[in-house]
PDB file of N, CA and C in Angstrom:
ATOM      1  N   MET A   1       8.968 -40.355  22.944  1.00  0.00           N
ATOM      2  CA  MET A   1       8.135 -39.213  22.664  1.00  0.00           C
ATOM      3  C   MET A   1       8.932 -37.939  22.936  1.00  0.00           C
ATOM      4  N   ARG A   2       8.832 -36.990  22.022  1.00  0.00           N
ATOM      5  CA  ARG A   2       9.589 -35.756  22.119  1.00  0.00           C
ATOM      6  C   ARG A   2       8.787 -34.709  22.894  1.00  0.00           C
ATOM      7  N   PRO A   3       9.390 -34.048  23.869  1.00  0.00           N
ATOM      8  CA  PRO A   3       8.642 -33.014  24.612  1.00  0.00           C
ATOM      9  C   PRO A   3       8.396 -31.800  23.720  1.00  0.00           C
ATOM     10  N   THR A   4       7.279 -31.174  23.914  1.00  0.00           N
ATOM     11  CA  THR A   4       6.950 -29.982  23.136  1.00  0.00           C
ATOM     12  C   THR A   4       7.033 -28.751  24.026  1.00  0.00           C
ATOM     13  N   ASN A   5       7.303 -27.647  23.408  1.00  0.00           N
ATOM     14  CA  ASN A   5       7.373 -26.374  24.137  1.00  0.00           C
ATOM     15  C   ASN A   5       6.104 -25.568  23.929  1.00  0.00           C
ATOM     16  N   ARG A   6       5.019 -26.223  23.705  1.00  0.00           N
ATOM     17  CA  ARG A   6       3.759 -25.519  23.448  1.00  0.00           C
ATOM     18  C   ARG A   6       3.144 -25.055  24.757  1.00  0.00           C
ATOM     19  N   ARG A   7       2.573 -23.883  24.703  1.00  0.00           N
ATOM     20  CA  ARG A   7       1.877 -23.332  25.861  1.00  0.00           C
ATOM     21  C   ARG A   7       0.400 -23.695  25.750  1.00  0.00           C
ATOM     22  N   PRO A   8      -0.297 -23.722  26.844  1.00  0.00           N
ATOM     23  CA  PRO A   8      -1.750 -23.942  26.758  1.00  0.00           C
ATOM     24  C   PRO A   8      -2.401 -22.826  25.944  1.00  0.00           C
ATOM     25  N   SER A   9      -3.505 -23.141  25.293  1.00  0.00           N
ATOM     26  CA  SER A   9      -4.144 -22.137  24.435  1.00  0.00           C
ATOM     27  C   SER A   9      -4.555 -20.920  25.246  1.00  0.00           C
ATOM     28  N   GLY A  10      -4.447 -19.748  24.589  1.00  0.00           N
ATOM     29  CA  GLY A  10      -4.835 -18.501  25.239  1.00  0.00           C
ATOM     30  C   GLY A  10      -3.746 -17.882  26.088  1.00  0.00           C
ATOM     31  N   THR A  11      -2.544 -18.483  26.113  1.00  0.00           N
ATOM     32  CA  THR A  11      -1.483 -17.922  26.940  1.00  0.00           C
ATOM     33  C   THR A  11      -0.278 -17.524  26.104  1.00  0.00           C
ATOM     34  N   ARG A  12      -0.463 -17.280  24.821  1.00  0.00           N
ATOM     35  CA  ARG A  12       0.647 -16.861  23.980  1.00  0.00           C
ATOM     36  C   ARG A  12       1.155 -15.502  24.441  1.00  0.00           C
ATOM     37  N   ARG A  13       2.416 -15.248  24.216  1.00  0.00           N
ATOM     38  CA  ARG A  13       2.992 -13.990  24.655  1.00  0.00           C
ATOM     39  C   ARG A  13       2.425 -12.799  23.904  1.00  0.00           C
ATOM     40  N   ASP A  14       2.064 -12.995  22.629  1.00  0.00           N
ATOM     41  CA  ASP A  14       1.527 -11.882  21.858  1.00  0.00           C
ATOM     42  C   ASP A  14       0.015 -11.765  21.997  1.00  0.00           C
ATOM     43  N   SER A  15      -0.559 -12.529  22.879  1.00  0.00           N
ATOM     44  CA  SER A  15      -1.997 -12.484  23.120  1.00  0.00           C
ATOM     45  C   SER A  15      -2.362 -11.176  23.818  1.00  0.00           C
ATOM     46  N   PRO A  16      -3.530 -10.583  23.482  1.00  0.00           N
ATOM     47  CA  PRO A  16      -3.939  -9.346  24.153  1.00  0.00           C
ATOM     48  C   PRO A  16      -4.087  -9.511  25.661  1.00  0.00           C
ATOM     49  N   ARG A  17      -4.338 -10.714  26.106  1.00  0.00           N
ATOM     50  CA  ARG A  17      -4.520 -10.941  27.535  1.00  0.00           C
ATOM     51  C   ARG A  17      -3.205 -11.203  28.259  1.00  0.00           C
ATOM     52  N   ALA A  18      -2.107 -11.255  27.519  1.00  0.00           N
ATOM     53  CA  ALA A  18      -0.825 -11.556  28.144  1.00  0.00           C
ATOM     54  C   ALA A  18      -0.443 -10.480  29.155  1.00  0.00           C
ATOM     55  N   GLY A  19      -0.676  -9.220  28.836  1.00  0.00           N
ATOM     56  CA  GLY A  19      -0.326  -8.130  29.744  1.00  0.00           C
ATOM     57  C   GLY A  19      -1.550  -7.603  30.448  1.00  0.00           C
ATOM     58  N   VAL A  20      -2.103  -8.375  31.365  1.00  0.00           N
ATOM     59  CA  VAL A  20      -3.351  -8.011  32.019  1.00  0.00           C
ATOM     60  C   VAL A  20      -3.242  -6.660  32.711  1.00  0.00           C
ATOM     61  N   GLY A  21      -2.091  -6.351  33.256  1.00  0.00           N
ATOM     62  CA  GLY A  21      -1.936  -5.087  33.958  1.00  0.00           C
ATOM     63  C   GLY A  21      -1.385  -3.977  33.087  1.00  0.00           C
ATOM     64  N   SER A  22      -1.428  -4.148  31.764  1.00  0.00           N
ATOM     65  CA  SER A  22      -0.831  -3.146  30.883  1.00  0.00           C
ATOM     66  C   SER A  22      -1.632  -1.850  30.924  1.00  0.00           C
ATOM     67  N   PRO A  23      -0.966  -0.703  30.744  1.00  0.00           N
ATOM     68  CA  PRO A  23      -1.663   0.580  30.805  1.00  0.00           C
ATOM     69  C   PRO A  23      -2.607   0.808  29.628  1.00  0.00           C
ATOM     70  N   GLU A  24      -2.485   0.039  28.550  1.00  0.00           N
ATOM     71  CA  GLU A  24      -3.338   0.229  27.379  1.00  0.00           C
ATOM     72  C   GLU A  24      -4.623  -0.584  27.459  1.00  0.00           C
ATOM     73  N   ARG A  25      -4.840  -1.271  28.530  1.00  0.00           N
ATOM     74  CA  ARG A  25      -5.965  -2.195  28.630  1.00  0.00           C
ATOM     75  C   ARG A  25      -7.320  -1.501  28.442  1.00  0.00           C
ATOM     76  N   GLY A  26      -7.507  -0.267  28.925  1.00  0.00           N
ATOM     77  CA  GLY A  26      -8.795   0.396  28.846  1.00  0.00           C
ATOM     78  C   GLY A  26      -8.965   1.326  27.663  1.00  0.00           C
ATOM     79  N   ASP A  27      -8.000   1.384  26.776  1.00  0.00           N
ATOM     80  CA  ASP A  27      -8.075   2.299  25.644  1.00  0.00           C
ATOM     81  C   ASP A  27      -9.162   1.888  24.661  1.00  0.00           C
ATOM     82  N   VAL A  28      -9.769   2.875  24.030  1.00  0.00           N
ATOM     83  CA  VAL A  28     -10.760   2.626  22.989  1.00  0.00           C
ATOM     84  C   VAL A  28     -10.005   2.237  21.721  1.00  0.00           C
ATOM     85  N   PRO A  29     -10.397   1.140  21.073  1.00  0.00           N
ATOM     86  CA  PRO A  29      -9.705   0.734  19.854  1.00  0.00           C
ATOM     87  C   PRO A  29      -9.812   1.803  18.764  1.00  0.00           C
ATOM     88  N   GLY A  30      -8.803   1.871  17.927  1.00  0.00           N
ATOM     89  CA  GLY A  30      -8.764   2.868  16.869  1.00  0.00           C
ATOM     90  C   GLY A  30      -9.912   2.749  15.904  1.00  0.00           C
ATOM     91  N   TRP A  31     -10.356   1.507  15.623  1.00  0.00           N
ATOM     92  CA  TRP A  31     -11.438   1.342  14.654  1.00  0.00           C
ATOM     93  C   TRP A  31     -12.743   1.937  15.175  1.00  0.00           C
ATOM     94  N   VAL A  32     -12.922   1.970  16.483  1.00  0.00           N
ATOM     95  CA  VAL A  32     -14.138   2.576  17.049  1.00  0.00           C
ATOM     96  C   VAL A  32     -14.102   4.087  16.821  1.00  0.00           C
ATOM     97  N   LEU A  33     -12.949   4.685  17.063  1.00  0.00           N
ATOM     98  CA  LEU A  33     -12.825   6.128  16.855  1.00  0.00           C
ATOM     99  C   LEU A  33     -12.991   6.490  15.385  1.00  0.00           C
ATOM    100  N   ILE A  34     -12.420   5.691  14.487  1.00  0.00           N
ATOM    101  CA  ILE A  34     -12.556   5.951  13.053  1.00  0.00           C
ATOM    102  C   ILE A  34     -14.021   5.849  12.634  1.00  0.00           C
ATOM    103  N   THR A  35     -14.729   4.852  13.152  1.00  0.00           N
ATOM    104  CA  THR A  35     -16.147   4.685  12.825  1.00  0.00           C
ATOM    105  C   THR A  35     -16.966   5.881  13.315  1.00  0.00           C
ATOM    106  N   LEU A  36     -16.721   6.315  14.531  1.00  0.00           N
ATOM    107  CA  LEU A  36     -17.468   7.455  15.072  1.00  0.00           C
ATOM    108  C   LEU A  36     -17.160   8.745  14.317  1.00  0.00           C
ATOM    109  N   MET A  37     -15.896   8.946  13.977  1.00  0.00           N
ATOM    110  CA  MET A  37     -15.532  10.163  13.254  1.00  0.00           C
ATOM    111  C   MET A  37     -16.109  10.148  11.839  1.00  0.00           C
ATOM    112  N   THR A  38     -16.154   8.986  11.206  1.00  0.00           N
ATOM    113  CA  THR A  38     -16.749   8.879   9.872  1.00  0.00           C
ATOM    114  C   THR A  38     -18.240   9.190   9.929  1.00  0.00           C
ATOM    115  N   ALA A  39     -18.926   8.644  10.926  1.00  0.00           N
ATOM    116  CA  ALA A  39     -20.357   8.914  11.081  1.00  0.00           C
ATOM    117  C   ALA A  39     -20.607  10.405  11.326  1.00  0.00           C
ATOM    118  N   ALA A  40     -19.771  11.027  12.123  1.00  0.00           N
ATOM    119  CA  ALA A  40     -19.924  12.464  12.385  1.00  0.00           C
ATOM    120  C   ALA A  40     -19.678  13.276  11.116  1.00  0.00           C
ATOM    121  N   LEU A  41     -18.689  12.886  10.326  1.00  0.00           N
ATOM    122  CA  LEU A  41     -18.391  13.591   9.086  1.00  0.00           C
ATOM    123  C   LEU A  41     -19.541  13.464   8.090  1.00  0.00           C
ATOM    124  N   VAL A  42     -20.084  12.265   7.943  1.00  0.00           N
ATOM    125  CA  VAL A  42     -21.214  12.060   7.031  1.00  0.00           C
ATOM    126  C   VAL A  42     -22.422  12.863   7.498  1.00  0.00           C
ATOM    127  N   SER A  43     -22.680  12.867   8.798  1.00  0.00           N
ATOM    128  CA  SER A  43     -23.814  13.644   9.333  1.00  0.00           C
ATOM    129  C   SER A  43     -23.638  15.135   9.072  1.00  0.00           C
ATOM    130  N   ALA A  44     -22.434  15.642   9.276  1.00  0.00           N
ATOM    131  CA  ALA A  44     -22.172  17.066   9.046  1.00  0.00           C
ATOM    132  C   ALA A  44     -22.349  17.417   7.570  1.00  0.00           C
ATOM    133  N   LEU A  45     -21.825  16.572   6.685  1.00  0.00           N
ATOM    134  CA  LEU A  45     -21.993  16.821   5.250  1.00  0.00           C
ATOM    135  C   LEU A  45     -23.457  16.756   4.841  1.00  0.00           C
ATOM    136  N   TRP A  46     -24.187  15.833   5.418  1.00  0.00           N
ATOM    137  CA  TRP A  46     -25.606  15.706   5.084  1.00  0.00           C
ATOM    138  C   TRP A  46     -26.373  16.959   5.521  1.00  0.00           C
ATOM    139  N   LEU A  47     -26.066  17.486   6.693  1.00  0.00           N
ATOM    140  CA  LEU A  47     -26.751  18.691   7.170  1.00  0.00           C
ATOM    141  C   LEU A  47     -26.464  19.896   6.274  1.00  0.00           C
ATOM    142  N   VAL A  48     -25.229  20.002   5.811  1.00  0.00           N
ATOM    143  CA  VAL A  48     -24.831  21.156   5.012  1.00  0.00           C
ATOM    144  C   VAL A  48     -25.353  21.056   3.583  1.00  0.00           C
ATOM    145  N   ALA A  49     -25.305  19.881   2.988  1.00  0.00           N
ATOM    146  CA  ALA A  49     -25.581  19.745   1.553  1.00  0.00           C
ATOM    147  C   ALA A  49     -26.746  18.806   1.247  1.00  0.00           C
ATOM    148  N   GLU A  50     -27.735  18.752   2.119  1.00  0.00           N
ATOM    149  CA  GLU A  50     -28.848  17.811   1.926  1.00  0.00           C
ATOM    150  C   GLU A  50     -29.563  18.031   0.598  1.00  0.00           C
ATOM    151  N   ASP A  51     -29.910  19.265   0.285  1.00  0.00           N
ATOM    152  CA  ASP A  51     -30.654  19.537  -0.946  1.00  0.00           C
ATOM    153  C   ASP A  51     -29.858  19.122  -2.187  1.00  0.00           C
ATOM    154  N   GLN A  52     -28.572  19.447  -2.203  1.00  0.00           N
ATOM    155  CA  GLN A  52     -27.736  19.099  -3.346  1.00  0.00           C
ATOM    156  C   GLN A  52     -27.559  17.588  -3.476  1.00  0.00           C
ATOM    157  N   LEU A  53     -27.405  16.895  -2.350  1.00  0.00           N
ATOM    158  CA  LEU A  53     -27.236  15.446  -2.386  1.00  0.00           C
ATOM    159  C   LEU A  53     -28.505  14.749  -2.870  1.00  0.00           C
ATOM    160  N   VAL A  54     -29.657  15.217  -2.416  1.00  0.00           N
ATOM    161  CA  VAL A  54     -30.925  14.635  -2.856  1.00  0.00           C
ATOM    162  C   VAL A  54     -31.113  14.873  -4.349  1.00  0.00           C
ATOM    163  N   ALA A  55     -30.817  16.079  -4.824  1.00  0.00           N
ATOM    164  CA  ALA A  55     -30.946  16.377  -6.252  1.00  0.00           C
ATOM    165  C   ALA A  55     -29.980  15.529  -7.074  1.00  0.00           C
ATOM    166  N   LEU A  56     -28.765  15.368  -6.599  1.00  0.00           N
ATOM    167  CA  LEU A  56     -27.775  14.542  -7.286  1.00  0.00           C
ATOM    168  C   LEU A  56     -28.255  13.102  -7.406  1.00  0.00           C
ATOM    169  N   PHE A  57     -28.782  12.571  -6.318  1.00  0.00           N
ATOM    170  CA  PHE A  57     -29.283  11.206  -6.308  1.00  0.00           C
ATOM    171  C   PHE A  57     -30.480  11.043  -7.252  1.00  0.00           C
ATOM    172  N   GLN A  58     -31.402  11.979  -7.218  1.00  0.00           N
ATOM    173  CA  GLN A  58     -32.576  11.900  -8.097  1.00  0.00           C
ATOM    174  C   GLN A  58     -32.170  12.011  -9.570  1.00  0.00           C
ATOM    175  N   ASN A  59     -31.220  12.883  -9.885  1.00  0.00           N
ATOM    176  CA  ASN A  59     -30.750  13.000 -11.271  1.00  0.00           C
ATOM    177  C   ASN A  59     -30.063  11.710 -11.710  1.00  0.00           C
ATOM    178  N   ALA A  60     -29.309  11.086 -10.825  1.00  0.00           N
ATOM    179  CA  ALA A  60     -28.645   9.834 -11.179  1.00  0.00           C
ATOM    180  C   ALA A  60     -29.662   8.735 -11.455  1.00  0.00           C
ATOM    181  N   LEU A  61     -30.703   8.652 -10.617  1.00  0.00           N
ATOM    182  CA  LEU A  61     -31.742   7.650 -10.847  1.00  0.00           C
ATOM    183  C   LEU A  61     -32.525   7.934 -12.137  1.00  0.00           C
ATOM    184  N   ALA A  62     -32.783   9.197 -12.393  1.00  0.00           N
ATOM    185  CA  ALA A  62     -33.530   9.558 -13.610  1.00  0.00           C
ATOM    186  C   ALA A  62     -32.714   9.213 -14.857  1.00  0.00           C
ATOM    187  N   SER A  63     -31.413   9.400 -14.813  1.00  0.00           N
ATOM    188  CA  SER A  63     -30.600   9.098 -15.998  1.00  0.00           C
ATOM    189  C   SER A  63     -30.480   7.595 -16.221  1.00  0.00           C
ATOM    190  N   VAL A  64     -30.528   6.795 -15.177  1.00  0.00           N
ATOM    191  CA  VAL A  64     -30.461   5.344 -15.331  1.00  0.00           C
ATOM    192  C   VAL A  64     -31.808   4.809 -15.797  1.00  0.00           C
ATOM    193  N   GLY A  65     -32.890   5.355 -15.255  1.00  0.00           N
ATOM    194  CA  GLY A  65     -34.228   4.872 -15.589  1.00  0.00           C
ATOM    195  C   GLY A  65     -34.673   5.294 -16.986  1.00  0.00           C
ATOM    196  N   GLY A  66     -34.040   6.263 -17.543  1.00  0.00           N
ATOM    197  CA  GLY A  66     -34.385   6.684 -18.897  1.00  0.00           C
ATOM    198  C   GLY A  66     -35.437   7.690 -18.874  1.00  0.00           C
TER     199      GLY A  66
END
């Protein structure tokens, strides 16, 4: 039988848990920040252009419905 160099599962070197004491451990993931910034941008646009967006949507529905 040939010996294997496999590590137990969950202990790979590129695993996020490999560097338990790493300084990046508490950082907020980038996708969370992107999601929050997108939501803030949509909210700001909605506040500024609500009337125009509603009219645009109603005109689009009216043109499809005939």
